[in-house]
């Protein structure tokens, strides 16, 4: 498995090192379990970072949209008042 995983270009090198333990049953299962926990923690961290970045951008986008919508609704009223005076 180690040789097969080395040939893959997008395969993480840290996971290739885990496959060195494939002939040792208990150690291999423990190494795979530990790797799974590490990758799960990394995925949770990355998704948390996306939430931290996207939330303010979404709020700003909604605010800009609401501002444009309000201005678009009141612009004809302002033009009408200017023409009447």
PDB file of N, CA and C in Angstrom:
ATOM      1  N   UNK A   1       0.824  -1.193   0.000  1.00  0.00           N
ATOM      2  CA  UNK A   1       0.000   0.000   0.000  1.00  0.00           C
ATOM      3  C   UNK A   1       0.866   1.254   0.000  1.00  0.00           C
ATOM      4  N   UNK A   2       2.009   1.178   0.645  1.00  0.00           N
ATOM      5  CA  UNK A   2       2.886   2.347   0.700  1.00  0.00           C
ATOM      6  C   UNK A   2       3.386   2.709  -0.696  1.00  0.00           C
ATOM      7  N   UNK A   3       3.791   1.713  -1.476  1.00  0.00           N
ATOM      8  CA  UNK A   3       4.283   1.975  -2.828  1.00  0.00           C
ATOM      9  C   UNK A   3       3.176   2.523  -3.724  1.00  0.00           C
ATOM     10  N   UNK A   4       1.984   1.990  -3.584  1.00  0.00           N
ATOM     11  CA  UNK A   4       0.859   2.454  -4.398  1.00  0.00           C
ATOM     12  C   UNK A   4       0.481   3.893  -4.053  1.00  0.00           C
ATOM     13  N   UNK A   5       0.558   4.232  -2.771  1.00  0.00           N
ATOM     14  CA  UNK A   5       0.182   5.590  -2.371  1.00  0.00           C
ATOM     15  C   UNK A   5       1.241   6.616  -2.744  1.00  0.00           C
ATOM     16  N   UNK A   6       2.483   6.203  -2.865  1.00  0.00           N
ATOM     17  CA  UNK A   6       3.546   7.133  -3.285  1.00  0.00           C
ATOM     18  C   UNK A   6       3.360   7.582  -4.728  1.00  0.00           C
ATOM     19  N   UNK A   7       2.755   6.755  -5.558  1.00  0.00           N
ATOM     20  CA  UNK A   7       2.560   7.095  -6.952  1.00  0.00           C
ATOM     21  C   UNK A   7       1.449   8.090  -7.201  1.00  0.00           C
ATOM     22  N   UNK A   8       0.638   8.375  -6.198  1.00  0.00           N
ATOM     23  CA  UNK A   8      -0.485   9.314  -6.351  1.00  0.00           C
ATOM     24  C   UNK A   8       0.002  10.734  -6.099  1.00  0.00           C
ATOM     25  N   UNK A   9      -0.213  11.658  -7.035  1.00  0.00           N
ATOM     26  CA  UNK A   9       0.303  13.025  -6.851  1.00  0.00           C
ATOM     27  C   UNK A   9      -0.428  13.830  -5.773  1.00  0.00           C
ATOM     28  N   UNK A  10      -1.705  13.578  -5.572  1.00  0.00           N
ATOM     29  CA  UNK A  10      -2.478  14.376  -4.610  1.00  0.00           C
ATOM     30  C   UNK A  10      -2.667  13.657  -3.278  1.00  0.00           C
ATOM     31  N   UNK A  11      -1.956  12.596  -3.068  1.00  0.00           N
ATOM     32  CA  UNK A  11      -2.066  11.834  -1.835  1.00  0.00           C
ATOM     33  C   UNK A  11      -1.173  12.488  -0.783  1.00  0.00           C
ATOM     34  N   UNK A  12      -1.690  12.783   0.412  1.00  0.00           N
ATOM     35  CA  UNK A  12      -0.878  13.456   1.433  1.00  0.00           C
ATOM     36  C   UNK A  12       0.307  12.596   1.871  1.00  0.00           C
ATOM     37  N   UNK A  13       1.455  13.229   1.977  1.00  0.00           N
ATOM     38  CA  UNK A  13       2.660  12.480   2.365  1.00  0.00           C
ATOM     39  C   UNK A  13       2.583  11.973   3.806  1.00  0.00           C
ATOM     40  N   UNK A  14       1.852  12.674   4.645  1.00  0.00           N
ATOM     41  CA  UNK A  14       1.715  12.209   6.029  1.00  0.00           C
ATOM     42  C   UNK A  14       0.937  10.897   6.093  1.00  0.00           C
ATOM     43  N   UNK A  15       0.016  10.704   5.162  1.00  0.00           N
ATOM     44  CA  UNK A  15      -0.738   9.455   5.140  1.00  0.00           C
ATOM     45  C   UNK A  15       0.082   8.326   4.514  1.00  0.00           C
ATOM     46  N   UNK A  16       1.002   8.660   3.638  1.00  0.00           N
ATOM     47  CA  UNK A  16       1.892   7.651   3.060  1.00  0.00           C
ATOM     48  C   UNK A  16       2.741   7.025   4.158  1.00  0.00           C
ATOM     49  N   UNK A  17       3.174   7.846   5.099  1.00  0.00           N
ATOM     50  CA  UNK A  17       3.990   7.334   6.200  1.00  0.00           C
ATOM     51  C   UNK A  17       3.211   6.374   7.092  1.00  0.00           C
ATOM     52  N   UNK A  18       1.914   6.528   7.171  1.00  0.00           N
ATOM     53  CA  UNK A  18       1.091   5.628   7.987  1.00  0.00           C
ATOM     54  C   UNK A  18       1.084   4.220   7.391  1.00  0.00           C
ATOM     55  N   UNK A  19       1.156   4.142   6.070  1.00  0.00           N
ATOM     56  CA  UNK A  19       1.103   2.838   5.408  1.00  0.00           C
ATOM     57  C   UNK A  19       2.357   2.006   5.632  1.00  0.00           C
ATOM     58  N   UNK A  20       3.371   2.566   6.227  1.00  0.00           N
ATOM     59  CA  UNK A  20       4.549   1.771   6.593  1.00  0.00           C
ATOM     60  C   UNK A  20       4.198   0.733   7.661  1.00  0.00           C
ATOM     61  N   UNK A  21       3.137   0.982   8.391  1.00  0.00           N
ATOM     62  CA  UNK A  21       2.739   0.113   9.497  1.00  0.00           C
ATOM     63  C   UNK A  21       1.728  -0.955   9.073  1.00  0.00           C
ATOM     64  N   UNK A  22       1.504  -1.132   7.788  1.00  0.00           N
ATOM     65  CA  UNK A  22       0.432  -2.024   7.342  1.00  0.00           C
ATOM     66  C   UNK A  22       0.645  -3.485   7.717  1.00  0.00           C
ATOM     67  N   UNK A  23       1.853  -3.927   7.911  1.00  0.00           N
ATOM     68  CA  UNK A  23       2.109  -5.332   8.265  1.00  0.00           C
ATOM     69  C   UNK A  23       1.917  -5.599   9.756  1.00  0.00           C
ATOM     70  N   UNK A  24       1.819  -4.563  10.541  1.00  0.00           N
ATOM     71  CA  UNK A  24       1.582  -4.695  11.988  1.00  0.00           C
ATOM     72  C   UNK A  24       0.127  -4.331  12.250  1.00  0.00           C
ATOM     73  N   UNK A  25      -0.677  -5.336  12.512  1.00  0.00           N
ATOM     74  CA  UNK A  25      -2.130  -5.147  12.572  1.00  0.00           C
ATOM     75  C   UNK A  25      -2.562  -4.104  13.596  1.00  0.00           C
ATOM     76  N   UNK A  26      -2.149  -4.270  14.831  1.00  0.00           N
ATOM     77  CA  UNK A  26      -2.600  -3.370  15.893  1.00  0.00           C
ATOM     78  C   UNK A  26      -2.045  -1.958  15.696  1.00  0.00           C
ATOM     79  N   UNK A  27      -0.771  -1.872  15.374  1.00  0.00           N
ATOM     80  CA  UNK A  27      -0.152  -0.558  15.187  1.00  0.00           C
ATOM     81  C   UNK A  27      -0.750   0.148  13.972  1.00  0.00           C
ATOM     82  N   UNK A  28      -1.056  -0.625  12.932  1.00  0.00           N
ATOM     83  CA  UNK A  28      -1.630  -0.020  11.724  1.00  0.00           C
ATOM     84  C   UNK A  28      -3.019   0.529  11.987  1.00  0.00           C
ATOM     85  N   UNK A  29      -3.827  -0.221  12.704  1.00  0.00           N
ATOM     86  CA  UNK A  29      -5.180   0.272  13.012  1.00  0.00           C
ATOM     87  C   UNK A  29      -5.120   1.494  13.923  1.00  0.00           C
ATOM     88  N   UNK A  30      -4.189   1.496  14.869  1.00  0.00           N
ATOM     89  CA  UNK A  30      -4.030   2.669  15.734  1.00  0.00           C
ATOM     90  C   UNK A  30      -3.546   3.883  14.942  1.00  0.00           C
ATOM     91  N   UNK A  31      -2.628   3.647  14.015  1.00  0.00           N
ATOM     92  CA  UNK A  31      -2.120   4.747  13.192  1.00  0.00           C
ATOM     93  C   UNK A  31      -3.220   5.309  12.297  1.00  0.00           C
ATOM     94  N   UNK A  32      -4.034   4.440  11.736  1.00  0.00           N
ATOM     95  CA  UNK A  32      -5.144   4.917  10.901  1.00  0.00           C
ATOM     96  C   UNK A  32      -6.168   5.690  11.727  1.00  0.00           C
ATOM     97  N   UNK A  33      -6.449   5.199  12.938  1.00  0.00           N
ATOM     98  CA  UNK A  33      -7.394   5.892  13.816  1.00  0.00           C
ATOM     99  C   UNK A  33      -6.864   7.276  14.192  1.00  0.00           C
ATOM    100  N   UNK A  34      -5.586   7.341  14.523  1.00  0.00           N
ATOM    101  CA  UNK A  34      -4.983   8.632  14.873  1.00  0.00           C
ATOM    102  C   UNK A  34      -4.989   9.586  13.687  1.00  0.00           C
ATOM    103  N   UNK A  35      -4.687   9.063  12.518  1.00  0.00           N
ATOM    104  CA  UNK A  35      -4.704   9.902  11.316  1.00  0.00           C
ATOM    105  C   UNK A  35      -6.114  10.412  11.032  1.00  0.00           C
ATOM    106  N   UNK A  36      -7.106   9.561  11.233  1.00  0.00           N
ATOM    107  CA  UNK A  36      -8.495   9.976  11.021  1.00  0.00           C
ATOM    108  C   UNK A  36      -8.871  11.094  11.981  1.00  0.00           C
ATOM    109  N   UNK A  37      -8.449  10.998  13.226  1.00  0.00           N
ATOM    110  CA  UNK A  37      -8.748  12.047  14.199  1.00  0.00           C
ATOM    111  C   UNK A  37      -8.061  13.357  13.822  1.00  0.00           C
ATOM    112  N   UNK A  38      -6.823  13.263  13.343  1.00  0.00           N
ATOM    113  CA  UNK A  38      -6.085  14.467  12.943  1.00  0.00           C
ATOM    114  C   UNK A  38      -6.758  15.132  11.753  1.00  0.00           C
ATOM    115  N   UNK A  39      -7.120  14.326  10.742  1.00  0.00           N
ATOM    116  CA  UNK A  39      -7.770  14.900   9.560  1.00  0.00           C
ATOM    117  C   UNK A  39      -9.155  15.458   9.902  1.00  0.00           C
ATOM    118  N   UNK A  40      -9.859  14.837  10.818  1.00  0.00           N
ATOM    119  CA  UNK A  40     -11.166  15.371  11.233  1.00  0.00           C
ATOM    120  C   UNK A  40     -10.996  16.715  11.941  1.00  0.00           C
ATOM    121  N   UNK A  41      -9.972  16.821  12.783  1.00  0.00           N
ATOM    122  CA  UNK A  41      -9.721  18.092  13.465  1.00  0.00           C
ATOM    123  C   UNK A  41      -9.322  19.177  12.467  1.00  0.00           C
ATOM    124  N   UNK A  42      -8.516  18.818  11.482  1.00  0.00           N
ATOM    125  CA  UNK A  42      -8.120  19.792  10.458  1.00  0.00           C
ATOM    126  C   UNK A  42      -9.326  20.254   9.642  1.00  0.00           C
ATOM    127  N   UNK A  43     -10.213  19.328   9.308  1.00  0.00           N
ATOM    128  CA  UNK A  43     -11.410  19.688   8.543  1.00  0.00           C
ATOM    129  C   UNK A  43     -12.320  20.603   9.355  1.00  0.00           C
ATOM    130  N   UNK A  44     -12.463  20.306  10.644  1.00  0.00           N
ATOM    131  CA  UNK A  44     -13.302  21.143  11.501  1.00  0.00           C
ATOM    132  C   UNK A  44     -12.716  22.552  11.621  1.00  0.00           C
ATOM    133  N   UNK A  45     -11.401  22.646  11.711  1.00  0.00           N
ATOM    134  CA  UNK A  45     -10.746  23.951  11.795  1.00  0.00           C
ATOM    135  C   UNK A  45     -10.945  24.742  10.512  1.00  0.00           C
ATOM    136  N   UNK A  46     -10.795  24.084   9.377  1.00  0.00           N
ATOM    137  CA  UNK A  46     -10.951  24.782   8.102  1.00  0.00           C
ATOM    138  C   UNK A  46     -12.390  25.230   7.868  1.00  0.00           C
ATOM    139  N   UNK A  47     -13.365  24.411   8.233  1.00  0.00           N
ATOM    140  CA  UNK A  47     -14.757  24.830   8.065  1.00  0.00           C
ATOM    141  C   UNK A  47     -15.106  25.953   9.030  1.00  0.00           C
ATOM    142  N   UNK A  48     -14.517  25.941  10.208  1.00  0.00           N
ATOM    143  CA  UNK A  48     -14.727  27.042  11.148  1.00  0.00           C
ATOM    144  C   UNK A  48     -14.156  28.340  10.613  1.00  0.00           C
ATOM    145  N   UNK A  49     -13.020  28.244   9.929  1.00  0.00           N
ATOM    146  CA  UNK A  49     -12.404  29.429   9.344  1.00  0.00           C
ATOM    147  C   UNK A  49     -13.265  29.980   8.214  1.00  0.00           C
ATOM    148  N   UNK A  50     -13.867  29.111   7.438  1.00  0.00           N
ATOM    149  CA  UNK A  50     -14.760  29.566   6.365  1.00  0.00           C
ATOM    150  C   UNK A  50     -15.945  30.309   6.961  1.00  0.00           C
ATOM    151  N   UNK A  51     -16.476  29.804   8.053  1.00  0.00           N
ATOM    152  CA  UNK A  51     -17.610  30.467   8.700  1.00  0.00           C
ATOM    153  C   UNK A  51     -17.211  31.841   9.221  1.00  0.00           C
ATOM    154  N   UNK A  52     -16.023  31.946   9.771  1.00  0.00           N
ATOM    155  CA  UNK A  52     -15.555  33.228  10.305  1.00  0.00           C
ATOM    156  C   UNK A  52     -15.367  34.247   9.192  1.00  0.00           C
ATOM    157  N   UNK A  53     -14.920  33.800   8.029  1.00  0.00           N
ATOM    158  CA  UNK A  53     -14.686  34.719   6.917  1.00  0.00           C
ATOM    159  C   UNK A  53     -15.989  35.052   6.192  1.00  0.00           C
ATOM    160  N   UNK A  54     -16.839  34.071   5.982  1.00  0.00           N
ATOM    161  CA  UNK A  54     -18.053  34.280   5.178  1.00  0.00           C
ATOM    162  C   UNK A  54     -19.143  35.057   5.914  1.00  0.00           C
ATOM    163  N   UNK A  55     -19.243  34.913   7.196  1.00  0.00           N
ATOM    164  CA  UNK A  55     -20.321  35.574   7.932  1.00  0.00           C
ATOM    165  C   UNK A  55     -20.263  37.103   7.821  1.00  0.00           C
ATOM    166  N   UNK A  56     -19.107  37.735   8.071  1.00  0.00           N
ATOM    167  CA  UNK A  56     -19.086  39.199   7.902  1.00  0.00           C
ATOM    168  C   UNK A  56     -19.312  39.636   6.455  1.00  0.00           C
ATOM    169  N   UNK A  57     -18.766  38.870   5.503  1.00  0.00           N
ATOM    170  CA  UNK A  57     -18.975  39.221   4.099  1.00  0.00           C
ATOM    171  C   UNK A  57     -20.448  39.129   3.720  1.00  0.00           C
ATOM    172  N   UNK A  58     -21.129  38.133   4.229  1.00  0.00           N
ATOM    173  CA  UNK A  58     -22.552  37.979   3.958  1.00  0.00           C
ATOM    174  C   UNK A  58     -23.358  39.117   4.583  1.00  0.00           C
ATOM    175  N   UNK A  59     -23.029  39.489   5.805  1.00  0.00           N
ATOM    176  CA  UNK A  59     -23.734  40.598   6.454  1.00  0.00           C
ATOM    177  C   UNK A  59     -23.510  41.911   5.710  1.00  0.00           C
ATOM    178  N   UNK A  60     -22.289  42.156   5.264  1.00  0.00           N
ATOM    179  CA  UNK A  60     -22.007  43.370   4.502  1.00  0.00           C
ATOM    180  C   UNK A  60     -22.773  43.346   3.182  1.00  0.00           C
ATOM    181  N   UNK A  61     -22.800  42.197   2.515  1.00  0.00           N
ATOM    182  CA  UNK A  61     -23.528  42.073   1.256  1.00  0.00           C
ATOM    183  C   UNK A  61     -25.015  42.324   1.421  1.00  0.00           C
ATOM    184  N   UNK A  62     -25.610  41.786   2.472  1.00  0.00           N
ATOM    185  CA  UNK A  62     -27.037  42.013   2.726  1.00  0.00           C
ATOM    186  C   UNK A  62     -27.292  43.476   3.040  1.00  0.00           C
ATOM    187  N   UNK A  63     -26.407  44.095   3.803  1.00  0.00           N
ATOM    188  CA  UNK A  63     -26.565  45.518   4.114  1.00  0.00           C
ATOM    189  C   UNK A  63     -26.499  46.391   2.875  1.00  0.00           C
ATOM    190  N   UNK A  64     -25.540  46.099   1.985  1.00  0.00           N
ATOM    191  CA  UNK A  64     -25.426  46.869   0.743  1.00  0.00           C
ATOM    192  C   UNK A  64     -26.659  46.660  -0.128  1.00  0.00           C
ATOM    193  N   UNK A  65     -27.134  45.440  -0.215  1.00  0.00           N
ATOM    194  CA  UNK A  65     -28.337  45.154  -0.998  1.00  0.00           C
ATOM    195  C   UNK A  65     -29.543  45.907  -0.448  1.00  0.00           C
ATOM    196  N   UNK A  66     -29.711  45.906   0.860  1.00  0.00           N
ATOM    197  CA  UNK A  66     -30.842  46.616   1.465  1.00  0.00           C
ATOM    198  C   UNK A  66     -30.730  48.123   1.222  1.00  0.00           C
ATOM    199  N   UNK A  67     -29.512  48.680   1.329  1.00  0.00           N
ATOM    200  CA  UNK A  67     -29.316  50.102   1.083  1.00  0.00           C
ATOM    201  C   UNK A  67     -29.691  50.458  -0.351  1.00  0.00           C
ATOM    202  N   UNK A  68     -29.244  49.661  -1.304  1.00  0.00           N
ATOM    203  CA  UNK A  68     -29.564  49.909  -2.712  1.00  0.00           C
ATOM    204  C   UNK A  68     -31.066  49.787  -2.950  1.00  0.00           C
ATOM    205  N   UNK A  69     -31.704  48.808  -2.326  1.00  0.00           N
ATOM    206  CA  UNK A  69     -33.144  48.631  -2.500  1.00  0.00           C
ATOM    207  C   UNK A  69     -33.914  49.819  -1.937  1.00  0.00           C
ATOM    208  N   UNK A  70     -33.511  50.315  -0.783  1.00  0.00           N
ATOM    209  CA  UNK A  70     -34.202  51.456  -0.177  1.00  0.00           C
ATOM    210  C   UNK A  70     -34.012  52.710  -1.011  1.00  0.00           C
ATOM    211  N   UNK A  71     -32.785  52.939  -1.492  1.00  0.00           N
ATOM    212  CA  UNK A  71     -32.526  54.099  -2.341  1.00  0.00           C
ATOM    213  C   UNK A  71     -33.327  53.990  -3.634  1.00  0.00           C
ATOM    214  N   UNK A  72     -33.407  52.791  -4.206  1.00  0.00           N
ATOM    215  CA  UNK A  72     -34.162  52.600  -5.444  1.00  0.00           C
ATOM    216  C   UNK A  72     -35.648  52.846  -5.234  1.00  0.00           C
ATOM    217  N   UNK A  73     -36.166  52.539  -4.063  1.00  0.00           N
ATOM    218  CA  UNK A  73     -37.579  52.784  -3.792  1.00  0.00           C
ATOM    219  C   UNK A  73     -37.880  54.264  -3.587  1.00  0.00           C
ATOM    220  N   UNK A  74     -36.971  55.010  -2.951  1.00  0.00           N
ATOM    221  CA  UNK A  74     -37.227  56.408  -2.642  1.00  0.00           C
ATOM    222  C   UNK A  74     -36.742  57.371  -3.723  1.00  0.00           C
ATOM    223  N   UNK A  75     -35.939  56.945  -4.674  1.00  0.00           N
ATOM    224  CA  UNK A  75     -35.430  57.832  -5.713  1.00  0.00           C
ATOM    225  C   UNK A  75     -36.542  58.463  -6.551  1.00  0.00           C
ATOM    226  N   UNK A  76     -37.544  57.719  -6.991  1.00  0.00           N
ATOM    227  CA  UNK A  76     -38.637  58.384  -7.736  1.00  0.00           C
ATOM    228  C   UNK A  76     -39.375  59.425  -6.895  1.00  0.00           C
ATOM    229  N   UNK A  77     -39.515  59.177  -5.610  1.00  0.00           N
ATOM    230  CA  UNK A  77     -40.172  60.144  -4.732  1.00  0.00           C
ATOM    231  C   UNK A  77     -39.360  61.426  -4.636  1.00  0.00           C
ATOM    232  N   UNK A  78     -38.046  61.322  -4.507  1.00  0.00           N
ATOM    233  CA  UNK A  78     -37.191  62.505  -4.449  1.00  0.00           C
ATOM    234  C   UNK A  78     -37.236  63.284  -5.760  1.00  0.00           C
ATOM    235  N   UNK A  79     -37.242  62.594  -6.883  1.00  0.00           N
ATOM    236  CA  UNK A  79     -37.319  63.274  -8.186  1.00  0.00           C
ATOM    237  C   UNK A  79     -38.649  63.996  -8.337  1.00  0.00           C
ATOM    238  N   UNK A  80     -39.728  63.354  -7.889  1.00  0.00           N
ATOM    239  CA  UNK A  80     -41.046  63.980  -7.974  1.00  0.00           C
ATOM    240  C   UNK A  80     -41.107  65.228  -7.108  1.00  0.00           C
ATOM    241  N   UNK A  81     -40.573  65.188  -5.903  1.00  0.00           N
ATOM    242  CA  UNK A  81     -40.573  66.358  -5.020  1.00  0.00           C
ATOM    243  C   UNK A  81     -39.723  67.485  -5.596  1.00  0.00           C
ATOM    244  N   UNK A  82     -38.621  67.152  -6.240  1.00  0.00           N
ATOM    245  CA  UNK A  82     -37.773  68.181  -6.861  1.00  0.00           C
ATOM    246  C   UNK A  82     -38.472  68.837  -8.036  1.00  0.00           C
ATOM    247  N   UNK A  83     -39.215  68.077  -8.822  1.00  0.00           N
ATOM    248  CA  UNK A  83     -39.906  68.631  -9.973  1.00  0.00           C
ATOM    249  C   UNK A  83     -41.118  69.469  -9.562  1.00  0.00           C
ATOM    250  N   UNK A  84     -41.743  69.141  -8.445  1.00  0.00           N
ATOM    251  CA  UNK A  84     -42.903  69.899  -7.978  1.00  0.00           C
ATOM    252  C   UNK A  84     -42.487  71.237  -7.352  1.00  0.00           C
ATOM    253  N   UNK A  85     -41.296  71.329  -6.816  1.00  0.00           N
ATOM    254  CA  UNK A  85     -40.905  72.569  -6.147  1.00  0.00           C
ATOM    255  C   UNK A  85     -40.231  73.569  -7.037  1.00  0.00           C
TER     256      UNK A  85
END
